[in-house]
C-alpha atoms as a PDB file:
ATOM      1  CA  MET A   1      -0.005   0.016   0.049  1.00  0.00           C
ATOM      2  CA  PHE A   2       1.000   3.614  -0.488  1.00  0.00           C
ATOM      3  CA  ALA A   3       1.866   4.530   3.070  1.00  0.00           C
ATOM      4  CA  VAL A   4       3.623   1.243   3.745  1.00  0.00           C
ATOM      5  CA  LEU A   5       5.734   1.453   0.654  1.00  0.00           C
ATOM      6  CA  HIS A   6       7.012   4.881   1.723  1.00  0.00           C
ATOM      7  CA  GLY A   7       7.443   3.957   5.379  1.00  0.00           C
ATOM      8  CA  VAL A   8       5.059   6.712   6.448  1.00  0.00           C
ATOM      9  CA  ARG A   9       2.630   6.348   9.364  1.00  0.00           C
ATOM     10  CA  VAL A  10      -0.707   7.835   8.346  1.00  0.00           C
ATOM     11  CA  ALA A  11      -3.537   8.681  10.718  1.00  0.00           C
ATOM     12  CA  VAL A  12      -7.077   9.855   9.866  1.00  0.00           C
ATOM     13  CA  ILE A  13      -8.931  12.151  12.282  1.00  0.00           C
ATOM     14  CA  VAL A  14     -12.705  11.814  12.202  1.00  0.00           C
ATOM     15  CA  PRO A  15     -14.559  14.644  14.031  1.00  0.00           C
ATOM     16  CA  ALA A  16     -18.177  13.677  14.629  1.00  0.00           C
ATOM     17  CA  TYR A  17     -21.180  15.251  16.140  1.00  0.00           C
ATOM     18  CA  ASN A  18     -24.496  13.333  16.042  1.00  0.00           C
ATOM     19  CA  GLU A  19     -23.334  11.195  13.176  1.00  0.00           C
ATOM     20  CA  ALA A  20     -24.604   7.772  14.355  1.00  0.00           C
ATOM     21  CA  THR A  21     -26.259   7.237  11.005  1.00  0.00           C
ATOM     22  CA  LEU A  22     -23.142   7.945   8.856  1.00  0.00           C
ATOM     23  CA  ILE A  23     -20.188   7.279  11.061  1.00  0.00           C
ATOM     24  CA  GLY A  24     -20.179   3.534  10.176  1.00  0.00           C
ATOM     25  CA  ASP A  25     -20.096   4.333   6.419  1.00  0.00           C
ATOM     26  CA  THR A  26     -17.244   6.743   7.037  1.00  0.00           C
ATOM     27  CA  LEU A  27     -15.103   4.365   8.971  1.00  0.00           C
ATOM     28  CA  GLY A  28     -15.783   1.494   6.647  1.00  0.00           C
ATOM     29  CA  SER A  29     -14.574   3.551   3.715  1.00  0.00           C
ATOM     30  CA  ILE A  30     -11.159   4.499   5.105  1.00  0.00           C
ATOM     31  CA  PRO A  31      -8.428   2.859   3.004  1.00  0.00           C
ATOM     32  CA  GLY A  32      -6.314   0.045   4.285  1.00  0.00           C
ATOM     33  CA  PHE A  33      -3.026   1.954   4.051  1.00  0.00           C
ATOM     34  CA  VAL A  34      -4.120   4.152   6.987  1.00  0.00           C
ATOM     35  CA  ASP A  35      -2.345   3.060  10.182  1.00  0.00           C
ATOM     36  CA  ARG A  36      -4.561   4.676  12.786  1.00  0.00           C
ATOM     37  CA  ILE A  37      -7.975   6.192  13.034  1.00  0.00           C
ATOM     38  CA  VAL A  38      -8.980   8.632  15.767  1.00  0.00           C
ATOM     39  CA  VAL A  39     -12.718   9.353  16.094  1.00  0.00           C
ATOM     40  CA  VAL A  40     -13.461  12.327  18.218  1.00  0.00           C
ATOM     41  CA  ASP A  41     -17.128  12.502  19.321  1.00  0.00           C
ATOM     42  CA  ASP A  42     -17.837  16.128  20.220  1.00  0.00           C
ATOM     43  CA  ALA A  43     -20.427  15.324  22.953  1.00  0.00           C
ATOM     44  CA  SER A  44     -23.037  13.874  20.664  1.00  0.00           C
ATOM     45  CA  VAL A  45     -26.534  13.262  22.031  1.00  0.00           C
ATOM     46  CA  ASP A  46     -26.942  10.116  19.854  1.00  0.00           C
ATOM     47  CA  ASP A  47     -25.020   6.906  19.664  1.00  0.00           C
ATOM     48  CA  THR A  48     -22.152   8.206  17.529  1.00  0.00           C
ATOM     49  CA  ALA A  49     -19.434   7.022  19.948  1.00  0.00           C
ATOM     50  CA  GLU A  50     -21.039   3.585  20.480  1.00  0.00           C
ATOM     51  CA  VAL A  51     -21.432   3.024  16.705  1.00  0.00           C
ATOM     52  CA  ALA A  52     -17.870   4.021  16.080  1.00  0.00           C
ATOM     53  CA  GLY A  53     -16.619   1.830  18.859  1.00  0.00           C
ATOM     54  CA  ALA A  54     -18.527  -1.187  17.496  1.00  0.00           C
ATOM     55  CA  CYS A  55     -17.011  -0.860  13.979  1.00  0.00           C
ATOM     56  CA  GLY A  56     -14.600  -3.720  14.648  1.00  0.00           C
ATOM     57  CA  ASP A  57     -11.616  -2.005  13.131  1.00  0.00           C
ATOM     58  CA  GLY A  58      -8.539  -2.450  15.262  1.00  0.00           C
ATOM     59  CA  ARG A  59      -7.026   0.722  13.931  1.00  0.00           C
ATOM     60  CA  THR A  60      -9.748   2.834  15.557  1.00  0.00           C
ATOM     61  CA  THR A  61      -9.576   4.800  18.839  1.00  0.00           C
ATOM     62  CA  VAL A  62     -12.736   6.646  20.010  1.00  0.00           C
ATOM     63  CA  LEU A  63     -12.370   9.668  22.176  1.00  0.00           C
ATOM     64  CA  ARG A  64     -15.280  11.790  23.469  1.00  0.00           C
ATOM     65  CA  HIS A  65     -15.581  15.332  24.688  1.00  0.00           C
ATOM     66  CA  ASP A  66     -17.627  15.838  27.798  1.00  0.00           C
ATOM     67  CA  ALA A  67     -19.096  19.013  26.395  1.00  0.00           C
ATOM     68  CA  ASN A  68     -19.590  20.210  22.874  1.00  0.00           C
ATOM     69  CA  ARG A  69     -16.496  22.257  22.002  1.00  0.00           C
ATOM     70  CA  GLY A  70     -16.777  22.591  18.213  1.00  0.00           C
ATOM     71  CA  VAL A  71     -15.421  20.865  15.163  1.00  0.00           C
ATOM     72  CA  GLY A  72     -12.009  22.640  15.311  1.00  0.00           C
ATOM     73  CA  ALA A  73     -11.503  21.589  18.909  1.00  0.00           C
ATOM     74  CA  ALA A  74     -12.407  17.992  17.990  1.00  0.00           C
ATOM     75  CA  ILE A  75      -9.828  18.009  15.195  1.00  0.00           C
ATOM     76  CA  VAL A  76      -7.173  19.418  17.595  1.00  0.00           C
ATOM     77  CA  THR A  77      -7.947  16.666  20.085  1.00  0.00           C
ATOM     78  CA  GLY A  78      -7.581  14.064  17.245  1.00  0.00           C
ATOM     79  CA  TYR A  79      -4.379  15.719  16.069  1.00  0.00           C
ATOM     80  CA  ARG A  80      -2.772  15.491  19.484  1.00  0.00           C
ATOM     81  CA  ALA A  81      -3.906  11.882  20.087  1.00  0.00           C
ATOM     82  CA  ALA A  82      -2.562  10.689  16.690  1.00  0.00           C
ATOM     83  CA  ARG A  83       0.610  12.727  17.039  1.00  0.00           C
ATOM     84  CA  ALA A  84       1.273  11.105  20.448  1.00  0.00           C
ATOM     85  CA  ARG A  85       0.852   7.702  18.792  1.00  0.00           C
ATOM     86  CA  GLY A  86       3.578   8.421  16.235  1.00  0.00           C
ATOM     87  CA  ALA A  87       1.594   9.573  13.145  1.00  0.00           C
ATOM     88  CA  GLN A  88       3.677  11.336  10.610  1.00  0.00           C
ATOM     89  CA  VAL A  89       0.913  12.394   8.255  1.00  0.00           C
ATOM     90  CA  LEU A  90      -2.513  13.432   9.771  1.00  0.00           C
ATOM     91  CA  ALA A  91      -5.576  13.644   7.535  1.00  0.00           C
ATOM     92  CA  VAL A  92      -9.085  14.755   8.377  1.00  0.00           C
ATOM     93  CA  MET A  93     -12.255  12.964   7.123  1.00  0.00           C
ATOM     94  CA  ALA A  94     -15.472  14.212   8.646  1.00  0.00           C
ATOM     95  CA  GLY A  95     -17.868  11.682  10.177  1.00  0.00           C
ATOM     96  CA  ASP A  96     -20.650  12.405   7.723  1.00  0.00           C
ATOM     97  CA  ALA A  97     -19.226  10.407   4.798  1.00  0.00           C
ATOM     98  CA  GLN A  98     -18.709  13.594   2.634  1.00  0.00           C
ATOM     99  CA  MET A  99     -15.119  12.818   1.762  1.00  0.00           C
ATOM    100  CA  HIS A 100     -14.387  10.294  -0.928  1.00  0.00           C
ATOM    101  CA  PRO A 101     -11.864   7.706   0.268  1.00  0.00           C
ATOM    102  CA  ASP A 102     -10.244   7.458  -3.182  1.00  0.00           C
ATOM    103  CA  ASP A 103      -9.108  11.071  -2.767  1.00  0.00           C
ATOM    104  CA  LEU A 104      -7.029  10.368   0.417  1.00  0.00           C
ATOM    105  CA  GLU A 105      -4.013   9.022  -1.315  1.00  0.00           C
ATOM    106  CA  PRO A 106      -3.572  12.029  -3.679  1.00  0.00           C
ATOM    107  CA  LEU A 107      -4.261  14.300  -0.758  1.00  0.00           C
ATOM    108  CA  ILE A 108      -1.356  13.003   1.353  1.00  0.00           C
ATOM    109  CA  ARG A 109       1.073  12.432  -1.606  1.00  0.00           C
ATOM    110  CA  PRO A 110       2.551  15.963  -1.633  1.00  0.00           C
ATOM    111  CA  ILE A 111       3.471  15.553   2.091  1.00  0.00           C
ATOM    112  CA  VAL A 112       4.967  12.115   1.624  1.00  0.00           C
ATOM    113  CA  ARG A 113       7.084  13.432  -1.248  1.00  0.00           C
ATOM    114  CA  GLY A 114       8.307  16.394   0.833  1.00  0.00           C
ATOM    115  CA  GLU A 115       6.536  18.921  -1.464  1.00  0.00           C
ATOM    116  CA  ALA A 116       4.147  20.459   1.075  1.00  0.00           C
ATOM    117  CA  ASP A 117       3.518  20.755   4.804  1.00  0.00           C
ATOM    118  CA  TYR A 118      -0.213  21.141   4.547  1.00  0.00           C
ATOM    119  CA  VAL A 119      -2.565  20.005   1.802  1.00  0.00           C
ATOM    120  CA  LYS A 120      -6.171  21.001   1.458  1.00  0.00           C
ATOM    121  CA  GLY A 121      -8.894  19.543  -0.722  1.00  0.00           C
ATOM    122  CA  ASP A 122     -10.408  21.644  -3.468  1.00  0.00           C
ATOM    123  CA  ARG A 123     -14.021  20.740  -4.366  1.00  0.00           C
ATOM    124  CA  LEU A 124     -14.532  24.005  -6.235  1.00  0.00           C
ATOM    125  CA  GLY A 125     -12.036  22.999  -8.874  1.00  0.00           C
ATOM    126  CA  HIS A 126     -13.706  19.678  -9.609  1.00  0.00           C
ATOM    127  CA  ALA A 127     -15.589  19.331 -12.858  1.00  0.00           C
ATOM    128  CA  ASP A 128     -18.791  18.253 -10.974  1.00  0.00           C
ATOM    129  CA  ALA A 129     -18.833  21.198  -8.557  1.00  0.00           C
ATOM    130  CA  TRP A 130     -21.478  23.206 -10.328  1.00  0.00           C
ATOM    131  CA  THR A 131     -23.804  20.213 -10.672  1.00  0.00           C
ATOM    132  CA  VAL A 132     -23.344  18.566  -7.281  1.00  0.00           C
ATOM    133  CA  MET A 133     -22.672  21.379  -4.738  1.00  0.00           C
ATOM    134  CA  PRO A 134     -25.581  23.567  -3.616  1.00  0.00           C
ATOM    135  CA  LYS A 135     -25.309  26.893  -5.423  1.00  0.00           C
ATOM    136  CA  ASP A 136     -25.331  28.976  -2.321  1.00  0.00           C
ATOM    137  CA  ARG A 137     -22.309  26.997  -0.945  1.00  0.00           C
ATOM    138  CA  LEU A 138     -20.529  27.513  -4.226  1.00  0.00           C
ATOM    139  CA  ILE A 139     -21.006  31.214  -4.209  1.00  0.00           C
ATOM    140  CA  VAL A 140     -20.147  31.691  -0.539  1.00  0.00           C
ATOM    141  CA  GLY A 141     -17.215  29.232  -0.873  1.00  0.00           C
ATOM    142  CA  HIS A 142     -15.667  31.180  -3.744  1.00  0.00           C
ATOM    143  CA  ALA A 143     -16.085  34.493  -1.838  1.00  0.00           C
ATOM    144  CA  LEU A 144     -14.566  33.183   1.382  1.00  0.00           C
ATOM    145  CA  SER A 145     -11.694  31.642  -0.467  1.00  0.00           C
ATOM    146  CA  ARG A 146     -10.836  34.971  -2.063  1.00  0.00           C
ATOM    147  CA  LEU A 147     -10.990  36.783   1.303  1.00  0.00           C
ATOM    148  CA  THR A 148      -9.024  34.075   3.075  1.00  0.00           C
ATOM    149  CA  GLY A 149      -6.330  33.976   0.335  1.00  0.00           C
ATOM    150  CA  TRP A 150      -6.029  37.795   0.426  1.00  0.00           C
ATOM    151  CA  ALA A 151      -5.673  37.848   4.260  1.00  0.00           C
ATOM    152  CA  ALA A 152      -3.139  35.047   4.332  1.00  0.00           C
ATOM    153  CA  GLY A 153      -1.142  36.209   1.332  1.00  0.00           C
ATOM    154  CA  ILE A 154      -1.896  33.051  -0.758  1.00  0.00           C
ATOM    155  CA  ALA A 155      -2.607  33.667  -4.416  1.00  0.00           C
ATOM    156  CA  HIS A 156      -5.230  31.448  -6.103  1.00  0.00           C
ATOM    157  CA  LEU A 157      -6.522  29.845  -2.913  1.00  0.00           C
ATOM    158  CA  SER A 158      -9.557  27.761  -3.732  1.00  0.00           C
ATOM    159  CA  ASP A 159     -12.195  26.194  -1.410  1.00  0.00           C
ATOM    160  CA  SER A 160     -10.916  27.518   1.923  1.00  0.00           C
ATOM    161  CA  GLN A 161     -13.872  25.776   3.648  1.00  0.00           C
ATOM    162  CA  CYS A 162     -13.062  22.223   2.488  1.00  0.00           C
ATOM    163  CA  GLY A 163     -12.344  20.125   5.603  1.00  0.00           C
ATOM    164  CA  TYR A 164     -10.642  17.330   3.666  1.00  0.00           C
ATOM    165  CA  THR A 165      -6.981  18.115   4.622  1.00  0.00           C
ATOM    166  CA  ALA A 166      -3.700  16.569   5.474  1.00  0.00           C
ATOM    167  CA  ILE A 167      -0.784  17.978   7.511  1.00  0.00           C
ATOM    168  CA  ALA A 168       2.737  16.825   8.289  1.00  0.00           C
ATOM    169  CA  ALA A 169       3.501  16.148  11.947  1.00  0.00           C
ATOM    170  CA  PRO A 170       6.345  18.732  12.168  1.00  0.00           C
ATOM    171  CA  ALA A 171       3.955  21.400  10.860  1.00  0.00           C
ATOM    172  CA  LEU A 172       1.676  20.835  13.859  1.00  0.00           C
ATOM    173  CA  ASP A 173       4.616  21.665  16.131  1.00  0.00           C
ATOM    174  CA  ALA A 174       5.148  24.946  14.301  1.00  0.00           C
ATOM    175  CA  ILE A 175       1.594  26.335  14.903  1.00  0.00           C
ATOM    176  CA  ASP A 176      -0.359  27.265  18.022  1.00  0.00           C
ATOM    177  CA  LEU A 177      -3.001  24.550  18.337  1.00  0.00           C
ATOM    178  CA  ASP A 178      -4.280  26.104  21.523  1.00  0.00           C
ATOM    179  CA  GLY A 179      -4.927  29.321  19.773  1.00  0.00           C
ATOM    180  CA  LEU A 180      -6.921  27.947  16.858  1.00  0.00           C
ATOM    181  CA  TRP A 181     -10.608  28.812  16.582  1.00  0.00           C
ATOM    182  CA  PRO A 182     -12.538  25.868  17.888  1.00  0.00           C
ATOM    183  CA  ARG A 183     -15.715  26.053  15.853  1.00  0.00           C
ATOM    184  CA  TYR A 184     -16.906  26.844  12.346  1.00  0.00           C
ATOM    185  CA  GLY A 185     -14.207  28.947  10.695  1.00  0.00           C
ATOM    186  CA  TYR A 186     -11.477  26.680  11.958  1.00  0.00           C
ATOM    187  CA  PRO A 187     -10.160  25.933   8.398  1.00  0.00           C
ATOM    188  CA  ASN A 188      -9.769  29.684   7.718  1.00  0.00           C
ATOM    189  CA  ASP A 189      -7.890  30.248  10.943  1.00  0.00           C
ATOM    190  CA  LEU A 190      -5.661  27.180  10.324  1.00  0.00           C
ATOM    191  CA  ILE A 191      -4.784  28.334   6.820  1.00  0.00           C
ATOM    192  CA  GLY A 192      -3.850  31.712   8.296  1.00  0.00           C
ATOM    193  CA  GLN A 193      -1.595  30.223  10.961  1.00  0.00           C
ATOM    194  CA  ILE A 194       0.119  27.956   8.538  1.00  0.00           C
ATOM    195  CA  ALA A 195       0.747  30.705   6.027  1.00  0.00           C
ATOM    196  CA  LEU A 196       2.148  33.082   8.696  1.00  0.00           C
ATOM    197  CA  ALA A 197       4.447  30.263   9.954  1.00  0.00           C
ATOM    198  CA  GLY A 198       5.980  30.129   6.479  1.00  0.00           C
ATOM    199  CA  LEU A 199       4.809  26.553   5.822  1.00  0.00           C
ATOM    200  CA  ARG A 200       4.087  25.197   2.400  1.00  0.00           C
ATOM    201  CA  ILE A 201       0.478  24.837   1.346  1.00  0.00           C
ATOM    202  CA  ALA A 202      -0.706  22.698  -1.571  1.00  0.00           C
ATOM    203  CA  GLN A 203      -4.148  22.123  -3.034  1.00  0.00           C
ATOM    204  CA  VAL A 204      -5.493  18.856  -4.433  1.00  0.00           C
ATOM    205  CA  THR A 205      -8.842  18.559  -6.325  1.00  0.00           C
ATOM    206  CA  VAL A 206     -11.207  16.300  -4.556  1.00  0.00           C
ATOM    207  CA  ARG A 207     -14.740  15.087  -5.394  1.00  0.00           C
ATOM    208  CA  PRO A 208     -17.713  17.023  -3.976  1.00  0.00           C
ATOM    209  CA  VAL A 209     -19.840  14.440  -2.155  1.00  0.00           C
ATOM    210  CA  TYR A 210     -23.377  15.190  -0.978  1.00  0.00           C
ATOM    211  CA  GLY A 211     -25.944  12.695   0.225  1.00  0.00           C
ATOM    212  CA  ARG A 212     -27.732  12.065   3.504  1.00  0.00           C
ATOM    213  CA  GLU A 213     -25.677  14.388   5.631  1.00  0.00           C
ATOM    214  CA  THR A 214     -27.243  17.401   7.352  1.00  0.00           C
ATOM    215  CA  SER A 215     -25.354  20.636   7.237  1.00  0.00           C
ATOM    216  CA  GLY A 216     -24.676  22.424  10.530  1.00  0.00           C
ATOM    217  CA  VAL A 217     -23.621  25.616   8.778  1.00  0.00           C
ATOM    218  CA  ARG A 218     -25.702  28.712   9.655  1.00  0.00           C
ATOM    219  CA  PRO A 219     -25.756  32.172   8.016  1.00  0.00           C
ATOM    220  CA  TRP A 220     -24.101  33.829  11.054  1.00  0.00           C
ATOM    221  CA  HIS A 221     -21.087  31.561  10.614  1.00  0.00           C
ATOM    222  CA  VAL A 222     -20.167  33.727   7.679  1.00  0.00           C
ATOM    223  CA  LEU A 223     -19.748  36.638  10.014  1.00  0.00           C
ATOM    224  CA  THR A 224     -17.505  34.575  12.306  1.00  0.00           C
ATOM    225  CA  ILE A 225     -15.346  33.517   9.379  1.00  0.00           C
ATOM    226  CA  GLY A 226     -15.190  37.157   8.217  1.00  0.00           C
ATOM    227  CA  ALA A 227     -13.830  38.144  11.685  1.00  0.00           C
ATOM    228  CA  LEU A 228     -11.232  35.382  11.598  1.00  0.00           C
ATOM    229  CA  VAL A 229     -10.146  36.464   8.116  1.00  0.00           C
ATOM    230  CA  LEU A 230      -9.707  40.042   9.354  1.00  0.00           C
ATOM    231  CA  ARG A 231      -7.647  38.643  12.297  1.00  0.00           C
ATOM    232  CA  THR A 232      -5.363  36.861   9.930  1.00  0.00           C
ATOM    233  CA  ALA A 233      -4.984  40.048   7.838  1.00  0.00           C
ATOM    234  CA  TRP A 234      -4.138  41.995  11.020  1.00  0.00           C
ATOM    235  CA  ARG A 235      -1.540  39.375  12.107  1.00  0.00           C
ATOM    236  CA  ARG A 236       0.068  39.410   8.692  1.00  0.00           C
ATOM    237  CA  TRP A 237       0.203  43.201   8.749  1.00  0.00           C
ATOM    238  CA  GLN A 238       1.861  43.115  12.210  1.00  0.00           C
ATOM    239  CA  CYS A 239       4.428  40.546  10.957  1.00  0.00           C
ATOM    240  CA  ALA A 240       5.207  42.661   7.909  1.00  0.00           C
ATOM    241  CA  SER A 241       5.524  45.816  10.100  1.00  0.00           C
ATOM    242  CA  ARG A 242       7.958  44.009  12.517  1.00  0.00           C
ATOM    243  CA  GLU A 243      10.049  42.727   9.627  1.00  0.00           C
ATOM    244  CA  SER A 244      10.126  46.286   8.018  1.00  0.00           C
ATOM    245  CA  LEU A 245      11.147  47.816  11.405  1.00  0.00           C
ATOM    246  CA  SER A 246      13.771  45.095  11.863  1.00  0.00           C
ATOM    247  CA  ARG A 247      15.219  45.791   8.295  1.00  0.00           C
ATOM    248  CA  ARG A 248      15.297  49.598   9.065  1.00  0.00           C
ATOM    249  CA  SER A 249      17.093  48.987  12.364  1.00  0.00           C
ATOM    250  CA  LEU A 250      19.686  46.852  10.558  1.00  0.00           C
ATOM    251  CA  VAL A 251      20.193  49.480   7.861  1.00  0.00           C
ATOM    252  CA  HIS A 252      20.561  52.156  10.510  1.00  0.00           C
ATOM    253  CA  ALA A 253      22.959  50.110  12.539  1.00  0.00           C
ATOM    254  CA  GLY A 254      25.021  49.409   9.429  1.00  0.00           C
ATOM    255  CA  ALA A 255      25.191  53.077   8.509  1.00  0.00           C
ATOM    256  CA  HIS A 256      26.218  53.923  12.099  1.00  0.00           C
ATOM    257  CA  ASP A 257      28.941  51.359  12.013  1.00  0.00           C
ATOM    258  CA  ARG A 258      30.234  52.712   8.629  1.00  0.00           C
ATOM    259  CA  GLY A 259      30.240  56.167  10.081  1.00  0.00           C
ATOM    260  CA  ARG A 260      32.313  55.051  13.047  1.00  0.00           C
ATOM    261  CA  SER A 261      34.757  53.236  10.737  1.00  0.00           C
ATOM    262  CA  SER A 262      35.292  56.364   8.630  1.00  0.00           C
ATOM    263  CA  GLU A 263      35.871  58.442  11.817  1.00  0.00           C
ATOM    264  CA  ARG A 264      38.596  55.985  12.962  1.00  0.00           C
ATOM    265  CA  SER A 265      40.376  55.752   9.567  1.00  0.00           C
ATOM    266  CA  PRO A 266      42.626  58.908   9.926  1.00  0.00           C
ATOM    267  CA  SER A 267      44.226  57.461  13.073  1.00  0.00           C
ATOM    268  CA  TRP A 268      45.458  54.345  11.249  1.00  0.00           C
END
């Protein structure tokens, strides 16, 4: 298998909230080359954790939050658990069976090859996007991608809201997991942190999958994402300002040293 041939330990994080109906389909679809699966039940009120635990897959660990903390917090819990268990590449597949398992290998490939630190899926670039995805999600998705790309300084960013992602273990150590936004808007905040850390981001086209899942996205989430995008833009401006100040200080110090050298020259 792909991961075995390359000697890479791959983990899949499965955040889930009230997904008892679909979590079994999700877990059953995860490819055999995956070494570990970490399901994080974000305090579901249905039998999500029980169904996941009964899947009979020895690769699977089921964790449960005592209180609902949000999809971003669930992913962070999964990241930490998989990282502690030696995972080198950590992918995310939501518990609602919306992520096609055949796309997992292409998604992790840039990391395995050393070409990227973080890879995100791009449904908007798929040929079926306009026929499969709801039109309102397409429009909002394109708009938020443009804004997120602008804020993070990433040209041609597409589908910032896609949760189908993979990250290299060292990249997790380079970002502030505690400071990431815990709920909807988490992908935008993560992209911002990764870009500001100077890590390499790649995009891979993935299939848009829609079926029996129920969306938890609400109109006000767009406002939250907008605020997170502005926070990223502010942080980027602060970084640029500090770098500019540092460069000016170095230039000033260099000029001062040259001036002192010229003053000393007559005495030699």
